[in-house]
Amino acid sequence: MVKSWATSPETLGVDLHIDVGGAGLRSGLTDALREAVRGGRLTPGTRLPSSRSLAADLGIARNTVADAYAELVAEGWLTARQGSGTTVAQRAVARPDRSHARRLPTRRRPTYNLMPGSPDVASFPRAEWLKAARRALTDAPDEAFGFGDPRGRVELRTVLADYLARARGVYASPDRIVVCSGFLHGLMLMAKVLRARRAREVAVESYGLDFHWKVLTDAGLRTPALPLDHLGTRTEELGAMKGVGAVLMTAAHQFPIGVPLLPDRRAAAVDWARTTGGLIVEDDYDGEFRYDRQPVGALQGLDPEHVVYIGTASKSLAPGLRLGWMVLPEHLVGEVVQAKGGEWANGSLDQLTLAEFIRSGAYDRHVRGMRLHYRRRRDQLVTALAERAPEARVSGIAAGLHALVELPPGTERSIIRAATWQGLALEGLSRYRHPELTPERDALVVGYGTPSDSGWAGALDALCNVLP
């Protein structure tokens, strides 16, 4: 009968990789264990498998393992106690010499964080999410544990279609939705599709995220800047940008300026797409959070066949979930699915959990609660700046998780340096300026959603301390 290397539950123990060599099994095993401890691969306090378990794993006699253990205990390498098993002794162990390795510079972690782009992750609804996960796992069909549909679980796509139509004015059906790992992943897929369609240029807004632009340029696409003024992106200029096959926009809440795209400019963008056959890639990154205005619906609702809508759970819940969704024109679904491929399907259990979280109403309750939470933060920021830094003008605060704080000309760089000395992570507007654009204003982009409740007061105080 062939020896089985799958040990039974009666020989439960930790796995231990040991190469047994030498003239004899006992001496070879002893030498291998000694070298693993001496070299630091087995650290002090590590519990070793029982002699029976290791013997079964190595296919050798139990007495051989017991003798090797006993010898190493006598030498002081191991410790054995009745009822506690065998562990690596607490002693000084020589570590491998890594002095030749390249030393990376270390940066002191800031005490306070007002960087934009992240929600208050400490407010993640753990208890409600756990309830949804339990229900989802209990009800999950067996096939959910297979490789899955590259479009994503139908349960999630179905509830997303209903939610996005109701809450964001998106024209959606489950067959038009492809689940992705976040906006960046969705943009990568679109860049691949656009390049395959022989597009050469994708227009981007004058202010935005450089790593979004890099995704496009890495795919071989140029990214000319679309002009922007105090009213937002000037979409009427699209017609003059020859060679542009698509445009990337944050229509509901321009990042980082913070203004919504005006109705006539929304219409101009859609007219351009219809006339030229172009595509609008809409980044709806924080559309659920509005405070002093009526909700601004997604641009996609004006023309579902020319707008690719991408949303995520990164701001509404947490970026660590790595869950996003693309609502696609019907003719693009197959191309995006092909670009994604079956090997990049998202984890089924997280998708099922989010589907249950939305279906049960917990998602709506969480978003409404966080809307009040962030509005209080926004109000506290505005009040503090009015009292302690009256020369700073705050804008872009009717929605979202960040504010634009206008500064006196020529002061942005010095304030960012002062913030670093205060242990405050902070970004200036210049960080988000397109390379084609000449410097025209000094400002800070303050992410008031980022700190936890315990860190918010200190972060706000540090901000006021660095402002003129």
Protein backbone atom coordinates (compact mmCIF):
# COMPACT_ATOMS: atom_id res chain seq x y z
CA MET A 1 0.00 0.00 0.00
CA VAL A 2 1.32 3.47 -0.90
CA LYS A 3 2.26 5.64 2.08
CA SER A 4 -0.25 8.47 2.71
CA TRP A 5 1.24 11.88 3.53
CA ALA A 6 -2.10 13.33 4.64
CA THR A 7 -2.00 12.78 8.39
CA SER A 8 -5.16 12.05 10.33
CA PRO A 9 -6.75 14.45 12.83
CA GLU A 10 -5.26 12.32 15.62
CA THR A 11 -1.78 13.56 14.61
CA LEU A 12 -2.70 17.23 14.56
CA GLY A 13 0.22 19.63 14.88
CA VAL A 14 1.86 22.60 13.25
CA ASP A 15 3.47 22.20 9.84
CA LEU A 16 7.26 22.25 9.84
CA HIS A 17 9.43 22.18 6.72
CA ILE A 18 12.67 20.28 7.41
CA ASP A 19 15.15 18.87 4.88
CA VAL A 20 16.62 15.78 6.49
CA GLY A 21 20.06 14.92 5.08
CA GLY A 22 23.29 13.34 6.23
CA ALA A 23 24.39 9.76 6.80
CA GLY A 24 21.67 8.86 9.31
CA LEU A 25 18.09 9.90 9.87
CA ARG A 26 18.58 10.86 13.51
CA SER A 27 21.75 12.90 12.97
CA GLY A 28 20.32 14.45 9.82
CA LEU A 29 17.13 15.50 11.59
CA THR A 30 19.07 16.82 14.60
CA ASP A 31 21.40 18.87 12.40
CA ALA A 32 18.51 20.26 10.36
CA LEU A 33 16.56 21.37 13.45
CA ARG A 34 19.68 22.83 15.08
CA GLU A 35 20.49 24.85 11.93
CA ALA A 36 16.88 26.10 11.66
CA VAL A 37 17.12 27.47 15.22
CA ARG A 38 20.66 28.81 14.84
CA GLY A 39 19.82 30.60 11.59
CA GLY A 40 16.71 32.21 13.03
CA ARG A 41 14.16 30.39 10.86
CA LEU A 42 12.69 28.88 14.03
CA THR A 43 12.44 31.77 16.48
CA PRO A 44 12.43 31.53 20.29
CA GLY A 45 9.05 30.42 21.59
CA THR A 46 8.02 28.63 18.38
CA ARG A 47 6.09 25.48 19.23
CA LEU A 48 7.26 22.40 17.34
CA PRO A 49 5.04 19.53 16.18
CA SER A 50 4.67 16.57 18.48
CA SER A 51 7.10 13.74 17.83
CA ARG A 52 4.26 11.60 16.45
CA SER A 53 3.03 14.36 14.13
CA LEU A 54 6.50 15.21 12.75
CA ALA A 55 7.33 11.52 12.35
CA ALA A 56 4.16 11.01 10.33
CA ASP A 57 4.94 14.08 8.17
CA LEU A 58 8.52 12.92 7.50
CA GLY A 59 7.69 9.24 7.11
CA ILE A 60 10.17 8.15 9.79
CA ALA A 61 9.97 6.37 13.16
CA ARG A 62 8.56 8.32 16.10
CA ASN A 63 11.54 7.32 18.27
CA THR A 64 13.89 8.98 15.79
CA VAL A 65 12.13 12.31 16.24
CA ALA A 66 11.90 11.87 20.02
CA ASP A 67 15.66 11.17 20.23
CA ALA A 68 16.48 14.23 18.10
CA TYR A 69 14.27 16.43 20.29
CA ALA A 70 15.88 15.04 23.46
CA GLU A 71 19.39 15.74 22.19
CA LEU A 72 18.51 19.37 21.29
CA VAL A 73 16.86 19.86 24.69
CA ALA A 74 20.04 18.68 26.35
CA GLU A 75 22.08 21.12 24.26
CA GLY A 76 19.76 23.99 25.19
CA TRP A 77 18.29 24.59 21.74
CA LEU A 78 14.81 23.35 22.69
CA THR A 79 12.65 23.29 25.81
CA ALA A 80 10.26 20.46 26.68
CA ARG A 81 7.64 20.57 29.41
CA GLN A 82 5.03 18.02 30.33
CA GLY A 83 1.70 19.10 28.84
CA SER A 84 3.20 22.07 27.00
CA GLY A 85 5.00 20.29 24.20
CA THR A 86 8.38 21.18 22.72
CA THR A 87 9.33 24.77 21.92
CA VAL A 88 12.41 26.64 20.76
CA ALA A 89 14.34 27.83 23.81
CA GLN A 90 14.48 31.50 24.77
CA ARG A 91 18.08 32.33 23.97
CA ALA A 92 20.12 34.68 21.86
CA VAL A 93 20.00 33.48 18.27
CA ALA A 94 22.31 34.68 15.51
CA ARG A 95 20.33 36.34 12.78
CA PRO A 96 21.26 36.16 9.10
CA ASP A 97 23.58 39.01 8.14
CA ARG A 98 21.59 41.38 5.98
CA SER A 99 23.99 44.30 6.25
CA HIS A 100 24.59 44.07 2.52
CA ALA A 101 20.91 44.60 1.74
CA ARG A 102 19.83 48.00 0.46
CA ARG A 103 18.52 50.06 3.35
CA LEU A 104 15.30 51.87 2.55
CA PRO A 105 14.75 55.32 4.00
CA THR A 106 12.19 55.43 6.79
CA ARG A 107 9.63 58.15 7.29
CA ARG A 108 8.12 59.04 10.62
CA ARG A 109 4.44 58.32 10.63
CA PRO A 110 2.46 61.55 11.01
CA THR A 111 0.53 62.10 14.21
CA TYR A 112 -2.48 63.59 12.42
CA ASN A 113 -3.91 62.90 8.98
CA LEU A 114 -5.97 65.27 6.85
CA MET A 115 -5.14 63.67 3.52
CA PRO A 116 -8.11 63.46 1.15
CA GLY A 117 -9.30 60.27 -0.44
CA SER A 118 -10.22 58.15 2.58
CA PRO A 119 -13.26 57.86 4.84
CA ASP A 120 -13.19 57.46 8.61
CA VAL A 121 -12.35 53.75 8.54
CA ALA A 122 -12.74 53.56 12.34
CA SER A 123 -16.48 54.01 11.72
CA PHE A 124 -16.75 50.88 9.58
CA PRO A 125 -20.00 49.10 10.64
CA ARG A 126 -18.35 45.93 11.92
CA ALA A 127 -21.34 44.47 13.74
CA GLU A 128 -23.77 44.99 10.85
CA TRP A 129 -21.23 43.74 8.34
CA LEU A 130 -20.68 40.61 10.43
CA LYS A 131 -24.43 39.96 10.53
CA ALA A 132 -24.62 40.34 6.76
CA ALA A 133 -21.61 38.05 6.30
CA ARG A 134 -23.21 35.35 8.44
CA ARG A 135 -26.47 35.52 6.52
CA ALA A 136 -24.64 35.56 3.19
CA LEU A 137 -22.47 32.57 4.12
CA THR A 138 -25.46 30.60 5.39
CA ASP A 139 -27.46 31.20 2.21
CA ALA A 140 -24.56 30.97 -0.28
CA PRO A 141 -25.09 28.30 -2.95
CA ASP A 142 -22.35 25.71 -3.35
CA GLU A 143 -21.30 27.12 -6.70
CA ALA A 144 -20.39 30.41 -5.01
CA PHE A 145 -17.20 28.70 -3.81
CA GLY A 146 -16.08 28.02 -7.38
CA PHE A 147 -14.19 30.35 -9.72
CA GLY A 148 -17.24 32.48 -10.47
CA ASP A 149 -18.51 34.71 -13.26
CA PRO A 150 -15.97 37.40 -14.25
CA ARG A 151 -18.85 39.90 -14.28
CA GLY A 152 -19.35 39.31 -10.55
CA ARG A 153 -21.98 37.57 -8.46
CA VAL A 154 -25.47 38.02 -9.87
CA GLU A 155 -26.80 38.67 -6.35
CA LEU A 156 -24.59 41.76 -6.01
CA ARG A 157 -25.19 42.97 -9.56
CA THR A 158 -28.95 42.71 -9.00
CA VAL A 159 -29.06 44.73 -5.78
CA LEU A 160 -26.58 47.27 -7.21
CA ALA A 161 -28.84 47.83 -10.22
CA ASP A 162 -31.75 48.66 -7.91
CA TYR A 163 -29.68 50.79 -5.53
CA LEU A 164 -27.89 52.83 -8.19
CA ALA A 165 -31.15 53.55 -10.03
CA ARG A 166 -32.81 54.67 -6.80
CA ALA A 167 -29.97 56.57 -5.13
CA ARG A 168 -27.81 57.86 -8.00
CA GLY A 169 -30.17 58.08 -10.98
CA VAL A 170 -28.17 55.49 -12.90
CA TYR A 171 -29.83 53.49 -15.67
CA ALA A 172 -28.67 50.03 -14.71
CA SER A 173 -29.52 46.39 -15.19
CA PRO A 174 -27.57 43.42 -13.79
CA ASP A 175 -26.37 42.48 -17.29
CA ARG A 176 -24.70 45.90 -17.71
CA ILE A 177 -22.75 45.72 -14.43
CA VAL A 178 -19.24 44.32 -14.02
CA VAL A 179 -17.84 44.06 -10.49
CA CYS A 180 -14.24 45.22 -10.12
CA SER A 181 -11.71 45.80 -7.33
CA GLY A 182 -12.18 49.56 -7.15
CA PHE A 183 -12.02 52.58 -9.42
CA LEU A 184 -8.39 52.07 -10.40
CA HIS A 185 -9.12 48.52 -11.54
CA GLY A 186 -12.14 49.71 -13.52
CA LEU A 187 -10.06 52.42 -15.16
CA MET A 188 -7.36 49.89 -16.06
CA LEU A 189 -9.99 47.76 -17.80
CA MET A 190 -11.35 50.77 -19.70
CA ALA A 191 -7.85 51.85 -20.73
CA LYS A 192 -7.25 48.37 -22.13
CA VAL A 193 -10.55 48.45 -24.05
CA LEU A 194 -9.94 51.95 -25.41
CA ARG A 195 -6.47 51.03 -26.60
CA ALA A 196 -7.84 47.92 -28.31
CA ARG A 197 -10.31 50.23 -30.06
CA ARG A 198 -7.34 52.26 -31.31
CA ALA A 199 -8.13 55.33 -29.21
CA ARG A 200 -5.15 57.67 -28.90
CA GLU A 201 -6.20 60.24 -26.30
CA VAL A 202 -8.38 60.44 -23.19
CA ALA A 203 -9.08 63.97 -21.98
CA VAL A 204 -8.79 64.49 -18.23
CA GLU A 205 -9.70 67.37 -15.94
CA SER A 206 -7.06 70.00 -15.20
CA TYR A 207 -7.00 68.91 -11.56
CA GLY A 208 -7.22 65.28 -10.54
CA LEU A 209 -5.22 62.25 -9.44
CA ASP A 210 -1.94 61.63 -11.21
CA PHE A 211 -2.10 57.87 -10.70
CA HIS A 212 -5.34 57.85 -12.69
CA TRP A 213 -3.56 59.66 -15.51
CA LYS A 214 -0.68 57.20 -15.24
CA VAL A 215 -3.02 54.24 -15.77
CA LEU A 216 -4.03 55.81 -19.07
CA THR A 217 -0.51 56.75 -20.18
CA ASP A 218 0.78 53.28 -19.25
CA ALA A 219 -1.81 51.90 -21.68
CA GLY A 220 -0.36 54.10 -24.42
CA LEU A 221 -2.98 56.87 -24.24
CA ARG A 222 -2.23 60.58 -24.12
CA THR A 223 -4.04 62.62 -21.45
CA PRO A 224 -4.58 66.23 -22.60
CA ALA A 225 -6.05 68.51 -19.93
CA LEU A 226 -9.60 69.81 -20.24
CA PRO A 227 -9.80 73.43 -19.04
CA LEU A 228 -11.49 74.20 -15.73
CA ASP A 229 -12.74 77.46 -14.23
CA HIS A 230 -14.51 78.50 -11.00
CA LEU A 231 -17.73 76.90 -12.29
CA GLY A 232 -16.09 73.56 -13.01
CA THR A 233 -14.87 71.64 -16.04
CA ARG A 234 -15.38 73.41 -19.36
CA THR A 235 -16.82 70.52 -21.33
CA GLU A 236 -17.69 72.81 -24.25
CA GLU A 237 -13.99 72.70 -25.09
CA LEU A 238 -14.16 68.98 -25.91
CA GLY A 239 -15.13 69.65 -29.53
CA ALA A 240 -11.86 71.48 -30.15
CA MET A 241 -9.71 68.62 -28.79
CA LYS A 242 -9.14 66.59 -31.95
CA GLY A 243 -8.12 62.99 -31.49
CA VAL A 244 -9.83 62.58 -28.10
CA GLY A 245 -11.84 59.36 -27.93
CA ALA A 246 -12.95 59.53 -24.30
CA VAL A 247 -12.97 61.85 -21.30
CA LEU A 248 -12.46 61.04 -17.61
CA MET A 249 -14.64 63.17 -15.30
CA THR A 250 -15.76 63.59 -11.68
CA ALA A 251 -19.10 65.16 -12.64
CA ALA A 252 -21.04 65.10 -9.36
CA HIS A 253 -18.23 66.58 -7.23
CA GLN A 254 -15.09 67.60 -9.09
CA PHE A 255 -11.97 66.37 -7.37
CA PRO A 256 -10.33 68.28 -5.81
CA ILE A 257 -11.99 71.65 -6.61
CA GLY A 258 -15.31 70.43 -5.21
CA VAL A 259 -17.89 71.90 -7.61
CA PRO A 260 -20.59 69.91 -9.44
CA LEU A 261 -20.75 69.98 -13.23
CA LEU A 262 -23.38 72.53 -14.25
CA PRO A 263 -26.42 71.34 -16.27
CA ASP A 264 -25.35 73.06 -19.51
CA ARG A 265 -21.87 71.58 -19.21
CA ARG A 266 -23.29 68.13 -18.50
CA ALA A 267 -25.36 68.47 -21.66
CA ALA A 268 -22.31 69.64 -23.63
CA ALA A 269 -20.33 66.55 -22.56
CA VAL A 270 -23.14 64.20 -23.57
CA ASP A 271 -23.65 66.01 -26.91
CA TRP A 272 -19.93 65.64 -27.65
CA ALA A 273 -20.06 61.90 -26.92
CA ARG A 274 -23.12 61.40 -29.14
CA THR A 275 -21.72 63.44 -32.01
CA THR A 276 -18.26 61.88 -32.05
CA GLY A 277 -19.04 58.37 -30.77
CA GLY A 278 -16.79 59.10 -27.78
CA LEU A 279 -17.10 57.78 -24.25
CA ILE A 280 -17.40 59.53 -20.90
CA VAL A 281 -15.80 57.65 -17.99
CA GLU A 282 -17.58 58.92 -14.87
CA ASP A 283 -15.85 58.60 -11.50
CA ASP A 284 -18.67 58.83 -8.92
CA TYR A 285 -16.30 58.58 -5.97
CA ASP A 286 -18.36 60.20 -3.19
CA GLY A 287 -21.79 60.83 -4.70
CA GLU A 288 -23.71 59.69 -1.60
CA PHE A 289 -22.39 62.48 0.62
CA ARG A 290 -24.10 65.84 0.13
CA TYR A 291 -25.02 68.41 2.78
CA ASP A 292 -26.32 71.77 1.55
CA ARG A 293 -27.77 70.88 -1.82
CA GLN A 294 -30.13 68.54 -3.56
CA PRO A 295 -28.53 65.30 -4.73
CA VAL A 296 -26.69 65.62 -8.03
CA GLY A 297 -27.48 62.53 -10.07
CA ALA A 298 -24.94 60.61 -12.06
CA LEU A 299 -24.11 61.86 -15.55
CA GLN A 300 -24.76 58.33 -16.80
CA GLY A 301 -28.51 58.83 -16.50
CA LEU A 302 -28.43 61.31 -19.41
CA ASP A 303 -27.01 58.79 -21.89
CA PRO A 304 -26.33 55.23 -20.70
CA GLU A 305 -24.90 54.24 -24.10
CA HIS A 306 -22.09 56.81 -24.01
CA VAL A 307 -21.20 56.94 -20.29
CA VAL A 308 -19.21 54.35 -18.35
CA TYR A 309 -20.19 54.78 -14.70
CA ILE A 310 -17.71 53.58 -12.05
CA GLY A 311 -18.58 53.58 -8.36
CA THR A 312 -17.02 51.91 -5.33
CA ALA A 313 -17.50 51.09 -1.66
CA SER A 314 -14.21 52.83 -0.85
CA LYS A 315 -15.72 56.08 0.50
CA SER A 316 -19.10 54.82 1.67
CA LEU A 317 -17.65 51.87 3.61
CA ALA A 318 -13.88 51.30 3.40
CA PRO A 319 -11.21 51.05 0.69
CA GLY A 320 -9.95 47.79 2.19
CA LEU A 321 -13.03 45.97 0.86
CA ARG A 322 -11.63 46.36 -2.67
CA LEU A 323 -15.11 46.38 -4.21
CA GLY A 324 -16.27 48.55 -7.07
CA TRP A 325 -18.68 48.35 -9.98
CA MET A 326 -18.84 49.45 -13.59
CA VAL A 327 -22.18 50.20 -15.26
CA LEU A 328 -21.46 49.88 -18.96
CA PRO A 329 -23.03 50.72 -22.29
CA GLU A 330 -24.52 47.51 -23.63
CA HIS A 331 -22.04 47.28 -26.50
CA LEU A 332 -19.04 47.44 -24.13
CA VAL A 333 -19.94 44.67 -21.69
CA GLY A 334 -18.34 41.85 -23.66
CA GLU A 335 -15.13 43.80 -24.28
CA VAL A 336 -14.73 44.73 -20.61
CA VAL A 337 -15.41 41.14 -19.49
CA GLN A 338 -12.81 39.90 -21.95
CA ALA A 339 -10.31 42.50 -20.71
CA LYS A 340 -10.94 41.45 -17.12
CA GLY A 341 -10.63 37.72 -17.72
CA GLY A 342 -11.86 34.90 -15.53
CA GLU A 343 -8.75 34.80 -13.34
CA TRP A 344 -9.48 38.25 -11.92
CA ALA A 345 -12.94 37.55 -10.56
CA ASN A 346 -13.55 39.19 -7.18
CA GLY A 347 -14.01 37.12 -4.02
CA SER A 348 -17.52 35.67 -3.93
CA LEU A 349 -18.06 35.90 -0.16
CA ASP A 350 -17.31 39.63 0.03
CA GLN A 351 -19.63 40.22 -2.92
CA LEU A 352 -22.40 38.19 -1.30
CA THR A 353 -21.89 40.04 1.98
CA LEU A 354 -22.15 43.44 0.30
CA ALA A 355 -25.25 42.28 -1.57
CA GLU A 356 -26.89 41.25 1.71
CA PHE A 357 -25.70 44.46 3.40
CA ILE A 358 -27.42 46.55 0.72
CA ARG A 359 -30.51 44.35 0.44
CA SER A 360 -31.17 44.46 4.20
CA GLY A 361 -31.14 48.27 4.29
CA ALA A 362 -27.96 48.39 6.42
CA TYR A 363 -26.06 50.19 3.64
CA ASP A 364 -28.61 53.01 3.44
CA ARG A 365 -28.65 53.36 7.23
CA HIS A 366 -24.86 53.50 7.33
CA VAL A 367 -24.63 56.10 4.56
CA ARG A 368 -27.24 58.32 6.20
CA GLY A 369 -25.45 58.06 9.54
CA MET A 370 -22.07 58.87 8.01
CA ARG A 371 -23.61 61.79 6.13
CA LEU A 372 -24.50 63.38 9.46
CA HIS A 373 -21.09 62.44 10.88
CA TYR A 374 -19.19 64.11 8.04
CA ARG A 375 -21.45 67.14 8.01
CA ARG A 376 -20.60 67.78 11.66
CA ARG A 377 -16.92 67.49 10.77
CA ARG A 378 -17.38 69.91 7.87
CA ASP A 379 -19.16 72.43 10.08
CA GLN A 380 -16.48 72.18 12.77
CA LEU A 381 -13.78 72.76 10.15
CA VAL A 382 -15.51 75.85 8.75
CA THR A 383 -16.13 77.29 12.24
CA ALA A 384 -12.54 76.69 13.39
CA LEU A 385 -11.05 78.31 10.29
CA ALA A 386 -13.38 81.31 10.55
CA GLU A 387 -12.26 81.88 14.15
CA ARG A 388 -8.56 81.07 13.94
CA ALA A 389 -7.59 81.62 10.29
CA PRO A 390 -10.04 84.22 8.95
CA GLU A 391 -7.96 84.91 5.82
CA ALA A 392 -8.43 81.34 4.59
CA ARG A 393 -11.44 80.94 2.29
CA VAL A 394 -13.16 77.55 2.30
CA SER A 395 -14.97 76.22 -0.78
CA GLY A 396 -16.22 72.96 -2.27
CA ILE A 397 -17.99 72.02 0.94
CA ALA A 398 -21.56 71.35 -0.18
CA ALA A 399 -20.73 67.67 -0.61
CA GLY A 400 -17.98 65.09 -0.29
CA LEU A 401 -15.27 64.35 2.28
CA HIS A 402 -12.82 67.18 1.62
CA ALA A 403 -12.70 70.96 1.47
CA LEU A 404 -10.59 73.37 -0.55
CA VAL A 405 -8.90 75.98 1.64
CA GLU A 406 -7.71 78.93 -0.46
CA LEU A 407 -4.41 80.48 0.68
CA PRO A 408 -2.60 83.79 0.09
CA PRO A 409 -0.46 83.59 -3.08
CA GLY A 410 2.93 81.96 -2.60
CA THR A 411 2.19 80.33 0.77
CA GLU A 412 1.17 76.78 -0.11
CA ARG A 413 4.64 75.24 -0.03
CA SER A 414 5.67 76.82 3.26
CA ILE A 415 2.42 75.75 4.93
CA ILE A 416 2.90 72.14 3.79
CA ARG A 417 6.42 72.23 5.29
CA ALA A 418 5.05 73.64 8.55
CA ALA A 419 2.41 70.90 8.62
CA THR A 420 5.13 68.27 8.32
CA TRP A 421 6.89 69.74 11.37
CA GLN A 422 3.56 69.61 13.24
CA GLY A 423 3.23 65.90 12.43
CA LEU A 424 0.26 66.66 10.16
CA ALA A 425 -0.21 64.85 6.84
CA LEU A 426 -1.63 67.43 4.44
CA GLU A 427 -1.71 68.01 0.67
CA GLY A 428 -1.64 71.19 -1.36
CA LEU A 429 -3.66 71.82 -4.51
CA SER A 430 -0.50 71.79 -6.63
CA ARG A 431 -0.21 68.06 -5.94
CA TYR A 432 -3.27 67.52 -8.16
CA ARG A 433 -2.46 69.95 -10.98
CA HIS A 434 -2.06 68.51 -14.48
CA PRO A 435 1.49 68.91 -15.87
CA GLU A 436 0.17 70.99 -18.80
CA LEU A 437 -1.29 73.56 -16.43
CA THR A 438 0.68 76.54 -15.15
CA PRO A 439 0.43 77.34 -11.40
CA GLU A 440 -2.50 79.65 -10.82
CA ARG A 441 -3.68 79.36 -7.21
CA ASP A 442 -2.47 78.29 -3.77
CA ALA A 443 -4.75 76.10 -1.68
CA LEU A 444 -4.94 73.09 0.62
CA VAL A 445 -7.07 70.02 -0.03
CA VAL A 446 -8.24 69.07 3.46
CA GLY A 447 -9.67 65.59 3.90
CA TYR A 448 -11.91 65.98 6.94
CA GLY A 449 -13.32 62.47 6.57
CA THR A 450 -10.01 60.73 7.18
CA PRO A 451 -9.29 61.07 10.95
CA SER A 452 -10.93 58.88 13.55
CA ASP A 453 -13.07 60.58 16.19
CA SER A 454 -10.19 60.40 18.66
CA GLY A 455 -7.81 62.10 16.22
CA TRP A 456 -10.14 64.72 14.74
CA ALA A 457 -9.74 67.48 17.34
CA GLY A 458 -5.93 67.21 17.30
CA ALA A 459 -5.84 67.24 13.49
CA LEU A 460 -8.07 70.31 13.33
CA ASP A 461 -5.93 72.11 15.92
CA ALA A 462 -2.73 71.25 14.03
CA LEU A 463 -4.24 72.61 10.81
CA CYS A 464 -5.17 75.92 12.42
CA ASN A 465 -1.68 76.21 13.89
CA VAL A 466 0.00 76.14 10.47
CA LEU A 467 -2.33 78.58 8.72
CA PRO A 468 -1.38 82.27 8.54
